[in-house]
Amino acid sequence: MINSNGFGANYRYGQRINADNKRLYEIDFAYIRDPKERRSETGAQTMIVYGKKNLAFDFRFGYGKQHEKFRKHDLGGVAIRRFYNFGPSLVLMKPIFYDRIDVTTQTIYRSSKFDPMWYSNNHRIIGRSSFFDGFDRIRVVPGAFVKFGYNFEFGSHDRNIHALEAGLIAEGFIERLEIMDFTNLDLNQRYKTAQNRQFFLTIFLSYRFGKIVDPYEVRERRERSREISY
């Protein structure tokens, strides 16, 4: 799944209500980027996003429904379905740690949280520390979301699903997600009065694949396997 503010993946389980409608249960995982992120080169010739404080990993737990508007009449056709779901969100905010050097004394400091005063104190970032640094300081920020979209299913087999989906996600949290540090004057002059967001409106595009399982066939296979075992 590609989002206008990042990327992710989705798992969906559907139960048929009738010929045209399904009940949906979903889990989303998404990595959230701030639109003002810009990669720049450090003095050590490594690329970082200057001012980035935290990585934001978004987990969404959704319930909804799907309605089939146009049915696929042959295996070469396209079925069009409208869907929506909603539910709670949980964002894990993991701090980013950096390695820096004091250009005056040439002393290297490992694994420090971002501080906008480094440059005024003659400290320079030389790269990101290990991804696993900061796991003990992860914060959880709860929220809620609503997702709406269209599904275009074009699979050439009845049991296998191949589809493209597109739509919108509206999501809000109980506080702003501190992805970037905008207390730095250079960053604020570049982006005017930039600030972290609390509410997001996201466009998404996804490729979905899966399989349709007949519960009666599964039950029959289980019963046959029990008979053979006995």
Foldseek 3Di string as FASTA:
>chain_A
DQKPFWDWDKDWDWDDPDDFKIKIWMKIKTWGHDPLFDWDAFPLRDIDGPFFFWTKIKIWTWIWMKGWDADAPALQAKTKIKMKIKGKMKIKTFTWFFWKAQPVVRDIDGTHGDDLCQVVRRITTNGTHDPPPRPVPIDIWMWMKMWIWMWIWNHSDPFKTKIKIKTKMKIFTPDFRCRGHPPRPVSCVVVPNDDGDGIDIMIDMDIDIDGDDDVVVVVVVVVVVVVVVD
